[in-house]
Amino acid sequence: MLGRVDKPRVEVEYCIRCRWLPRAAWLAQELLTTFENELGAVALVPGEGGVFTVRVDDTVVWNRKDDGFPEPTAVKRRVRDLVAPGRPLGHADAP
């Protein structure tokens, strides 16, 4: 069984042709560190066509084509709003 099925799964889909695996892996690490008790899994999903998309279960929380490249704090806020609403993120909550 992959991950903890009772907790949300995050997917970071990245473009293999653009060589965005390091960026995707870094973001996955940031999410796992921040939400280690709230997430069931963080998966890296190879894609093409300039894709860099972050999903929580089936909900898109970040899409590079609409939002640009994400800063980790912005993605953490959007993930938090779905998996742990109201949880403080410390400096990531600062404007």
PDB file of N, CA and C in Angstrom:
ATOM      1  N   MET A   1       0.850  -1.176   0.000  1.00  0.00           N
ATOM      2  CA  MET A   1       0.000   0.000   0.000  1.00  0.00           C
ATOM      3  C   MET A   1       0.892   1.235   0.000  1.00  0.00           C
ATOM      4  N   LEU A   2       0.595   2.191  -0.845  1.00  0.00           N
ATOM      5  CA  LEU A   2       1.403   3.390  -0.956  1.00  0.00           C
ATOM      6  C   LEU A   2       0.883   4.483  -0.041  1.00  0.00           C
ATOM      7  N   GLY A   3       1.753   5.006   0.805  1.00  0.00           N
ATOM      8  CA  GLY A   3       1.374   6.109   1.663  1.00  0.00           C
ATOM      9  C   GLY A   3       0.350   5.701   2.697  1.00  0.00           C
ATOM     10  N   ARG A   4      -0.137   6.678   3.392  1.00  0.00           N
ATOM     11  CA  ARG A   4      -1.183   6.454   4.381  1.00  0.00           C
ATOM     12  C   ARG A   4      -2.496   6.863   3.735  1.00  0.00           C
ATOM     13  N   VAL A   5      -3.338   5.886   3.457  1.00  0.00           N
ATOM     14  CA  VAL A   5      -4.539   6.129   2.660  1.00  0.00           C
ATOM     15  C   VAL A   5      -5.540   7.049   3.338  1.00  0.00           C
ATOM     16  N   ASP A   6      -5.434   7.216   4.644  1.00  0.00           N
ATOM     17  CA  ASP A   6      -6.372   8.086   5.346  1.00  0.00           C
ATOM     18  C   ASP A   6      -5.951   9.552   5.289  1.00  0.00           C
ATOM     19  N   LYS A   7      -4.825   9.835   4.669  1.00  0.00           N
ATOM     20  CA  LYS A   7      -4.317  11.210   4.595  1.00  0.00           C
ATOM     21  C   LYS A   7      -4.152  11.623   3.134  1.00  0.00           C
ATOM     22  N   PRO A   8      -4.177  12.936   2.870  1.00  0.00           N
ATOM     23  CA  PRO A   8      -4.077  13.422   1.487  1.00  0.00           C
ATOM     24  C   PRO A   8      -2.757  13.051   0.817  1.00  0.00           C
ATOM     25  N   ARG A   9      -2.828  12.925  -0.504  1.00  0.00           N
ATOM     26  CA  ARG A   9      -1.655  12.640  -1.338  1.00  0.00           C
ATOM     27  C   ARG A   9      -1.374  13.879  -2.179  1.00  0.00           C
ATOM     28  N   VAL A  10      -0.133  14.296  -2.182  1.00  0.00           N
ATOM     29  CA  VAL A  10       0.296  15.419  -3.009  1.00  0.00           C
ATOM     30  C   VAL A  10       1.074  14.874  -4.195  1.00  0.00           C
ATOM     31  N   GLU A  11       0.803  15.429  -5.366  1.00  0.00           N
ATOM     32  CA  GLU A  11       1.575  15.101  -6.562  1.00  0.00           C
ATOM     33  C   GLU A  11       2.224  16.361  -7.085  1.00  0.00           C
ATOM     34  N   VAL A  12       3.504  16.250  -7.415  1.00  0.00           N
ATOM     35  CA  VAL A  12       4.224  17.336  -8.075  1.00  0.00           C
ATOM     36  C   VAL A  12       4.582  16.813  -9.460  1.00  0.00           C
ATOM     37  N   GLU A  13       3.854  17.291 -10.464  1.00  0.00           N
ATOM     38  CA  GLU A  13       4.114  16.885 -11.840  1.00  0.00           C
ATOM     39  C   GLU A  13       5.062  17.891 -12.476  1.00  0.00           C
ATOM     40  N   TYR A  14       6.117  17.387 -13.103  1.00  0.00           N
ATOM     41  CA  TYR A  14       7.163  18.250 -13.640  1.00  0.00           C
ATOM     42  C   TYR A  14       7.522  17.813 -15.056  1.00  0.00           C
ATOM     43  N   CYS A  15       8.050  18.736 -15.838  1.00  0.00           N
ATOM     44  CA  CYS A  15       8.438  18.456 -17.215  1.00  0.00           C
ATOM     45  C   CYS A  15       9.823  17.804 -17.256  1.00  0.00           C
ATOM     46  N   ILE A  16       9.876  16.608 -17.837  1.00  0.00           N
ATOM     47  CA  ILE A  16      11.161  15.909 -17.930  1.00  0.00           C
ATOM     48  C   ILE A  16      12.066  16.547 -18.988  1.00  0.00           C
ATOM     49  N   ARG A  17      11.491  17.055 -20.049  1.00  0.00           N
ATOM     50  CA  ARG A  17      12.296  17.686 -21.100  1.00  0.00           C
ATOM     51  C   ARG A  17      12.929  18.993 -20.629  1.00  0.00           C
ATOM     52  N   CYS A  18      12.254  19.662 -19.703  1.00  0.00           N
ATOM     53  CA  CYS A  18      12.757  20.925 -19.156  1.00  0.00           C
ATOM     54  C   CYS A  18      13.761  20.697 -18.029  1.00  0.00           C
ATOM     55  N   ARG A  19      13.907  19.440 -17.616  1.00  0.00           N
ATOM     56  CA  ARG A  19      14.830  19.075 -16.534  1.00  0.00           C
ATOM     57  C   ARG A  19      14.448  19.721 -15.199  1.00  0.00           C
ATOM     58  N   TRP A  20      13.152  19.671 -14.878  1.00  0.00           N
ATOM     59  CA  TRP A  20      12.663  20.293 -13.654  1.00  0.00           C
ATOM     60  C   TRP A  20      12.560  19.324 -12.483  1.00  0.00           C
ATOM     61  N   LEU A  21      13.141  18.122 -12.621  1.00  0.00           N
ATOM     62  CA  LEU A  21      13.126  17.179 -11.505  1.00  0.00           C
ATOM     63  C   LEU A  21      13.764  17.751 -10.246  1.00  0.00           C
ATOM     64  N   PRO A  22      14.926  18.392 -10.286  1.00  0.00           N
ATOM     65  CA  PRO A  22      15.498  18.923  -9.040  1.00  0.00           C
ATOM     66  C   PRO A  22      14.572  19.916  -8.330  1.00  0.00           C
ATOM     67  N   ARG A  23      13.919  20.761  -9.102  1.00  0.00           N
ATOM     68  CA  ARG A  23      12.985  21.737  -8.516  1.00  0.00           C
ATOM     69  C   ARG A  23      11.799  21.015  -7.890  1.00  0.00           C
ATOM     70  N   ALA A  24      11.279  20.000  -8.576  1.00  0.00           N
ATOM     71  CA  ALA A  24      10.139  19.234  -8.058  1.00  0.00           C
ATOM     72  C   ALA A  24      10.524  18.474  -6.791  1.00  0.00           C
ATOM     73  N   ALA A  25      11.709  17.885  -6.789  1.00  0.00           N
ATOM     74  CA  ALA A  25      12.169  17.136  -5.615  1.00  0.00           C
ATOM     75  C   ALA A  25      12.372  18.059  -4.429  1.00  0.00           C
ATOM     76  N   TRP A  26      12.911  19.235  -4.668  1.00  0.00           N
ATOM     77  CA  TRP A  26      13.110  20.208  -3.594  1.00  0.00           C
ATOM     78  C   TRP A  26      11.765  20.635  -2.995  1.00  0.00           C
ATOM     79  N   LEU A  27      10.779  20.897  -3.862  1.00  0.00           N
ATOM     80  CA  LEU A  27       9.454  21.283  -3.375  1.00  0.00           C
ATOM     81  C   LEU A  27       8.815  20.132  -2.599  1.00  0.00           C
ATOM     82  N   ALA A  28       8.968  18.911  -3.089  1.00  0.00           N
ATOM     83  CA  ALA A  28       8.428  17.742  -2.376  1.00  0.00           C
ATOM     84  C   ALA A  28       9.045  17.631  -0.992  1.00  0.00           C
ATOM     85  N   GLN A  29      10.351  17.849  -0.894  1.00  0.00           N
ATOM     86  CA  GLN A  29      11.029  17.813   0.400  1.00  0.00           C
ATOM     87  C   GLN A  29      10.486  18.886   1.339  1.00  0.00           C
ATOM     88  N   GLU A  30      10.279  20.076   0.825  1.00  0.00           N
ATOM     89  CA  GLU A  30       9.721  21.162   1.637  1.00  0.00           C
ATOM     90  C   GLU A  30       8.334  20.793   2.171  1.00  0.00           C
ATOM     91  N   LEU A  31       7.500  20.202   1.319  1.00  0.00           N
ATOM     92  CA  LEU A  31       6.150  19.824   1.739  1.00  0.00           C
ATOM     93  C   LEU A  31       6.187  18.696   2.761  1.00  0.00           C
ATOM     94  N   LEU A  32       7.050  17.711   2.548  1.00  0.00           N
ATOM     95  CA  LEU A  32       7.165  16.604   3.506  1.00  0.00           C
ATOM     96  C   LEU A  32       7.679  17.078   4.855  1.00  0.00           C
ATOM     97  N   THR A  33       8.595  18.011   4.844  1.00  0.00           N
ATOM     98  CA  THR A  33       9.136  18.546   6.099  1.00  0.00           C
ATOM     99  C   THR A  33       8.075  19.335   6.853  1.00  0.00           C
ATOM    100  N   THR A  34       7.319  20.132   6.134  1.00  0.00           N
ATOM    101  CA  THR A  34       6.310  20.983   6.770  1.00  0.00           C
ATOM    102  C   THR A  34       5.081  20.198   7.218  1.00  0.00           C
ATOM    103  N   PHE A  35       4.651  19.237   6.407  1.00  0.00           N
ATOM    104  CA  PHE A  35       3.396  18.527   6.671  1.00  0.00           C
ATOM    105  C   PHE A  35       3.626  17.038   6.932  1.00  0.00           C
ATOM    106  N   GLU A  36       4.652  16.706   7.671  1.00  0.00           N
ATOM    107  CA  GLU A  36       4.998  15.294   7.870  1.00  0.00           C
ATOM    108  C   GLU A  36       3.901  14.499   8.555  1.00  0.00           C
ATOM    109  N   ASN A  37       3.069  15.120   9.357  1.00  0.00           N
ATOM    110  CA  ASN A  37       1.984  14.408  10.036  1.00  0.00           C
ATOM    111  C   ASN A  37       0.647  14.504   9.305  1.00  0.00           C
ATOM    112  N   GLU A  38       0.538  15.418   8.350  1.00  0.00           N
ATOM    113  CA  GLU A  38      -0.740  15.641   7.676  1.00  0.00           C
ATOM    114  C   GLU A  38      -0.857  14.937   6.327  1.00  0.00           C
ATOM    115  N   LEU A  39       0.270  14.556   5.718  1.00  0.00           N
ATOM    116  CA  LEU A  39       0.235  13.986   4.373  1.00  0.00           C
ATOM    117  C   LEU A  39       0.467  12.483   4.384  1.00  0.00           C
ATOM    118  N   GLY A  40      -0.221  11.805   3.489  1.00  0.00           N
ATOM    119  CA  GLY A  40      -0.019  10.376   3.335  1.00  0.00           C
ATOM    120  C   GLY A  40       1.083  10.046   2.364  1.00  0.00           C
ATOM    121  N   ALA A  41       1.329  10.931   1.379  1.00  0.00           N
ATOM    122  CA  ALA A  41       2.377  10.704   0.388  1.00  0.00           C
ATOM    123  C   ALA A  41       2.609  11.984  -0.397  1.00  0.00           C
ATOM    124  N   VAL A  42       3.825  12.102  -0.901  1.00  0.00           N
ATOM    125  CA  VAL A  42       4.162  13.130  -1.879  1.00  0.00           C
ATOM    126  C   VAL A  42       4.836  12.397  -3.031  1.00  0.00           C
ATOM    127  N   ALA A  43       4.247  12.506  -4.214  1.00  0.00           N
ATOM    128  CA  ALA A  43       4.746  11.781  -5.383  1.00  0.00           C
ATOM    129  C   ALA A  43       5.283  12.745  -6.421  1.00  0.00           C
ATOM    130  N   LEU A  44       6.370  12.339  -7.066  1.00  0.00           N
ATOM    131  CA  LEU A  44       6.913  13.074  -8.201  1.00  0.00           C
ATOM    132  C   LEU A  44       6.408  12.390  -9.462  1.00  0.00           C
ATOM    133  N   VAL A  45       5.768  13.170 -10.351  1.00  0.00           N
ATOM    134  CA  VAL A  45       5.122  12.614 -11.532  1.00  0.00           C
ATOM    135  C   VAL A  45       5.773  13.218 -12.778  1.00  0.00           C
ATOM    136  N   PRO A  46       6.483  12.412 -13.576  1.00  0.00           N
ATOM    137  CA  PRO A  46       7.092  12.933 -14.800  1.00  0.00           C
ATOM    138  C   PRO A  46       6.025  13.340 -15.816  1.00  0.00           C
ATOM    139  N   GLY A  47       6.235  14.474 -16.456  1.00  0.00           N
ATOM    140  CA  GLY A  47       5.318  14.953 -17.475  1.00  0.00           C
ATOM    141  C   GLY A  47       6.098  15.625 -18.589  1.00  0.00           C
ATOM    142  N   GLU A  48       5.386  16.256 -19.502  1.00  0.00           N
ATOM    143  CA  GLU A  48       6.007  16.954 -20.632  1.00  0.00           C
ATOM    144  C   GLU A  48       5.253  18.240 -20.915  1.00  0.00           C
ATOM    145  N   GLY A  49       5.760  18.988 -21.859  1.00  0.00           N
ATOM    146  CA  GLY A  49       5.064  20.188 -22.307  1.00  0.00           C
ATOM    147  C   GLY A  49       5.183  21.370 -21.369  1.00  0.00           C
ATOM    148  N   GLY A  50       6.266  21.433 -20.597  1.00  0.00           N
ATOM    149  CA  GLY A  50       6.467  22.569 -19.704  1.00  0.00           C
ATOM    150  C   GLY A  50       5.616  22.533 -18.456  1.00  0.00           C
ATOM    151  N   VAL A  51       5.098  21.354 -18.114  1.00  0.00           N
ATOM    152  CA  VAL A  51       4.213  21.240 -16.966  1.00  0.00           C
ATOM    153  C   VAL A  51       4.977  21.335 -15.644  1.00  0.00           C
ATOM    154  N   PHE A  52       4.404  22.046 -14.696  1.00  0.00           N
ATOM    155  CA  PHE A  52       4.841  22.026 -13.298  1.00  0.00           C
ATOM    156  C   PHE A  52       3.579  22.305 -12.488  1.00  0.00           C
ATOM    157  N   THR A  53       2.957  21.235 -12.026  1.00  0.00           N
ATOM    158  CA  THR A  53       1.661  21.322 -11.363  1.00  0.00           C
ATOM    159  C   THR A  53       1.710  20.598 -10.028  1.00  0.00           C
ATOM    160  N   VAL A  54       1.105  21.221  -9.023  1.00  0.00           N
ATOM    161  CA  VAL A  54       1.019  20.611  -7.696  1.00  0.00           C
ATOM    162  C   VAL A  54      -0.457  20.333  -7.415  1.00  0.00           C
ATOM    163  N   ARG A  55      -0.744  19.091  -7.026  1.00  0.00           N
ATOM    164  CA  ARG A  55      -2.117  18.689  -6.712  1.00  0.00           C
ATOM    165  C   ARG A  55      -2.169  18.103  -5.307  1.00  0.00           C
ATOM    166  N   VAL A  56      -3.261  18.366  -4.619  1.00  0.00           N
ATOM    167  CA  VAL A  56      -3.587  17.662  -3.380  1.00  0.00           C
ATOM    168  C   VAL A  56      -4.790  16.799  -3.722  1.00  0.00           C
ATOM    169  N   ASP A  57      -4.588  15.484  -3.667  1.00  0.00           N
ATOM    170  CA  ASP A  57      -5.564  14.542  -4.187  1.00  0.00           C
ATOM    171  C   ASP A  57      -5.867  14.955  -5.633  1.00  0.00           C
ATOM    172  N   ASP A  58      -7.073  15.335  -5.964  1.00  0.00           N
ATOM    173  CA  ASP A  58      -7.370  15.720  -7.346  1.00  0.00           C
ATOM    174  C   ASP A  58      -7.520  17.227  -7.537  1.00  0.00           C
ATOM    175  N   THR A  59      -7.187  17.997  -6.510  1.00  0.00           N
ATOM    176  CA  THR A  59      -7.338  19.449  -6.570  1.00  0.00           C
ATOM    177  C   THR A  59      -6.012  20.101  -6.944  1.00  0.00           C
ATOM    178  N   VAL A  60      -6.004  20.867  -8.028  1.00  0.00           N
ATOM    179  CA  VAL A  60      -4.806  21.594  -8.429  1.00  0.00           C
ATOM    180  C   VAL A  60      -4.635  22.785  -7.495  1.00  0.00           C
ATOM    181  N   VAL A  61      -3.476  22.850  -6.846  1.00  0.00           N
ATOM    182  CA  VAL A  61      -3.193  23.983  -5.959  1.00  0.00           C
ATOM    183  C   VAL A  61      -2.174  24.933  -6.573  1.00  0.00           C
ATOM    184  N   TRP A  62      -1.418  24.457  -7.585  1.00  0.00           N
ATOM    185  CA  TRP A  62      -0.472  25.335  -8.278  1.00  0.00           C
ATOM    186  C   TRP A  62      -0.266  24.822  -9.690  1.00  0.00           C
ATOM    187  N   ASN A  63      -0.328  25.720 -10.656  1.00  0.00           N
ATOM    188  CA  ASN A  63      -0.100  25.372 -12.054  1.00  0.00           C
ATOM    189  C   ASN A  63       0.826  26.437 -12.635  1.00  0.00           C
ATOM    190  N   ARG A  64       2.009  26.024 -13.046  1.00  0.00           N
ATOM    191  CA  ARG A  64       3.008  26.970 -13.549  1.00  0.00           C
ATOM    192  C   ARG A  64       2.469  27.824 -14.692  1.00  0.00           C
ATOM    193  N   LYS A  65       1.657  27.256 -15.553  1.00  0.00           N
ATOM    194  CA  LYS A  65       1.153  28.011 -16.705  1.00  0.00           C
ATOM    195  C   LYS A  65       0.224  29.142 -16.283  1.00  0.00           C
ATOM    196  N   ASP A  66      -0.447  28.999 -15.146  1.00  0.00           N
ATOM    197  CA  ASP A  66      -1.331  30.052 -14.635  1.00  0.00           C
ATOM    198  C   ASP A  66      -0.653  30.929 -13.594  1.00  0.00           C
ATOM    199  N   ASP A  67       0.182  30.312 -12.752  1.00  0.00           N
ATOM    200  CA  ASP A  67       0.709  30.991 -11.570  1.00  0.00           C
ATOM    201  C   ASP A  67       2.206  31.296 -11.623  1.00  0.00           C
ATOM    202  N   GLY A  68       2.913  30.827 -12.657  1.00  0.00           N
ATOM    203  CA  GLY A  68       4.368  30.978 -12.696  1.00  0.00           C
ATOM    204  C   GLY A  68       5.015  29.911 -11.822  1.00  0.00           C
ATOM    205  N   PHE A  69       6.335  29.982 -11.687  1.00  0.00           N
ATOM    206  CA  PHE A  69       7.005  29.014 -10.821  1.00  0.00           C
ATOM    207  C   PHE A  69       6.698  29.343  -9.375  1.00  0.00           C
ATOM    208  N   PRO A  70       6.434  28.316  -8.586  1.00  0.00           N
ATOM    209  CA  PRO A  70       6.026  28.569  -7.206  1.00  0.00           C
ATOM    210  C   PRO A  70       7.186  28.848  -6.269  1.00  0.00           C
ATOM    211  N   GLU A  71       6.939  29.736  -5.343  1.00  0.00           N
ATOM    212  CA  GLU A  71       7.789  29.873  -4.168  1.00  0.00           C
ATOM    213  C   GLU A  71       7.256  28.864  -3.168  1.00  0.00           C
ATOM    214  N   PRO A  72       8.116  28.164  -2.461  1.00  0.00           N
ATOM    215  CA  PRO A  72       7.643  27.138  -1.525  1.00  0.00           C
ATOM    216  C   PRO A  72       6.619  27.655  -0.520  1.00  0.00           C
ATOM    217  N   THR A  73       6.801  28.878  -0.013  1.00  0.00           N
ATOM    218  CA  THR A  73       5.859  29.377   0.992  1.00  0.00           C
ATOM    219  C   THR A  73       4.455  29.535   0.422  1.00  0.00           C
ATOM    220  N   ALA A  74       4.351  29.954  -0.838  1.00  0.00           N
ATOM    221  CA  ALA A  74       3.033  30.110  -1.461  1.00  0.00           C
ATOM    222  C   ALA A  74       2.354  28.753  -1.624  1.00  0.00           C
ATOM    223  N   VAL A  75       3.110  27.746  -2.047  1.00  0.00           N
ATOM    224  CA  VAL A  75       2.544  26.406  -2.195  1.00  0.00           C
ATOM    225  C   VAL A  75       2.166  25.849  -0.830  1.00  0.00           C
ATOM    226  N   LYS A  76       3.002  26.061   0.171  1.00  0.00           N
ATOM    227  CA  LYS A  76       2.706  25.572   1.521  1.00  0.00           C
ATOM    228  C   LYS A  76       1.397  26.162   2.043  1.00  0.00           C
ATOM    229  N   ARG A  77       1.169  27.451   1.793  1.00  0.00           N
ATOM    230  CA  ARG A  77      -0.091  28.066   2.239  1.00  0.00           C
ATOM    231  C   ARG A  77      -1.286  27.403   1.561  1.00  0.00           C
ATOM    232  N   ARG A  78      -1.189  27.159   0.247  1.00  0.00           N
ATOM    233  CA  ARG A  78      -2.307  26.544  -0.476  1.00  0.00           C
ATOM    234  C   ARG A  78      -2.536  25.095  -0.048  1.00  0.00           C
ATOM    235  N   VAL A  79      -1.456  24.362   0.170  1.00  0.00           N
ATOM    236  CA  VAL A  79      -1.585  22.985   0.655  1.00  0.00           C
ATOM    237  C   VAL A  79      -2.161  22.993   2.064  1.00  0.00           C
ATOM    238  N   ARG A  80      -1.663  23.852   2.916  1.00  0.00           N
ATOM    239  CA  ARG A  80      -2.167  23.964   4.286  1.00  0.00           C
ATOM    240  C   ARG A  80      -3.668  24.231   4.314  1.00  0.00           C
ATOM    241  N   ASP A  81      -4.139  25.103   3.433  1.00  0.00           N
ATOM    242  CA  ASP A  81      -5.555  25.453   3.405  1.00  0.00           C
ATOM    243  C   ASP A  81      -6.434  24.236   3.113  1.00  0.00           C
ATOM    244  N   LEU A  82      -5.872  23.223   2.469  1.00  0.00           N
ATOM    245  CA  LEU A  82      -6.628  22.003   2.177  1.00  0.00           C
ATOM    246  C   LEU A  82      -6.418  20.905   3.217  1.00  0.00           C
ATOM    247  N   VAL A  83      -5.203  20.736   3.706  1.00  0.00           N
ATOM    248  CA  VAL A  83      -4.900  19.590   4.571  1.00  0.00           C
ATOM    249  C   VAL A  83      -4.909  19.919   6.052  1.00  0.00           C
ATOM    250  N   ALA A  84      -4.716  21.186   6.409  1.00  0.00           N
ATOM    251  CA  ALA A  84      -4.676  21.570   7.825  1.00  0.00           C
ATOM    252  C   ALA A  84      -5.123  23.017   7.989  1.00  0.00           C
ATOM    253  N   PRO A  85      -6.377  23.325   7.615  1.00  0.00           N
ATOM    254  CA  PRO A  85      -6.857  24.691   7.692  1.00  0.00           C
ATOM    255  C   PRO A  85      -6.687  25.272   9.094  1.00  0.00           C
ATOM    256  N   GLY A  86      -6.228  26.503   9.138  1.00  0.00           N
ATOM    257  CA  GLY A  86      -6.055  27.174  10.411  1.00  0.00           C
ATOM    258  C   GLY A  86      -4.708  26.916  11.065  1.00  0.00           C
ATOM    259  N   ARG A  87      -3.962  25.966  10.568  1.00  0.00           N
ATOM    260  CA  ARG A  87      -2.645  25.675  11.149  1.00  0.00           C
ATOM    261  C   ARG A  87      -1.684  26.815  10.813  1.00  0.00           C
ATOM    262  N   PRO A  88      -0.996  27.348  11.815  1.00  0.00           N
ATOM    263  CA  PRO A  88      -0.017  28.414  11.516  1.00  0.00           C
ATOM    264  C   PRO A  88       1.223  27.829  10.837  1.00  0.00           C
ATOM    265  N   LEU A  89       1.781  28.612   9.928  1.00  0.00           N
ATOM    266  CA  LEU A  89       2.996  28.198   9.236  1.00  0.00           C
ATOM    267  C   LEU A  89       4.191  29.084   9.616  1.00  0.00           C
ATOM    268  N   GLY A  90       4.060  29.840  10.683  1.00  0.00           N
ATOM    269  CA  GLY A  90       5.158  30.684  11.115  1.00  0.00           C
ATOM    270  C   GLY A  90       5.465  31.763  10.089  1.00  0.00           C
ATOM    271  N   HIS A  91       6.753  31.870   9.702  1.00  0.00           N
ATOM    272  CA  HIS A  91       7.170  32.925   8.781  1.00  0.00           C
ATOM    273  C   HIS A  91       6.499  32.809   7.411  1.00  0.00           C
ATOM    274  N   ALA A  92       6.024  31.633   7.032  1.00  0.00           N
ATOM    275  CA  ALA A  92       5.358  31.462   5.742  1.00  0.00           C
ATOM    276  C   ALA A  92       4.007  32.167   5.700  1.00  0.00           C
ATOM    277  N   ASP A  93       3.474  32.520   6.858  1.00  0.00           N
ATOM    278  CA  ASP A  93       2.211  33.253   6.901  1.00  0.00           C
ATOM    279  C   ASP A  93       2.397  34.755   6.798  1.00  0.00           C
ATOM    280  N   ALA A  94       3.611  35.224   6.918  1.00  0.00           N
ATOM    281  CA  ALA A  94       3.875  36.657   6.855  1.00  0.00           C
ATOM    282  C   ALA A  94       3.584  37.179   5.461  1.00  0.00           C
ATOM    283  N   PRO A  95       3.035  38.392   5.354  1.00  0.00           N
ATOM    284  CA  PRO A  95       2.729  38.938   4.026  1.00  0.00           C
ATOM    285  C   PRO A  95       3.977  39.241   3.223  1.00  0.00           C
TER     286      PRO A  95
END
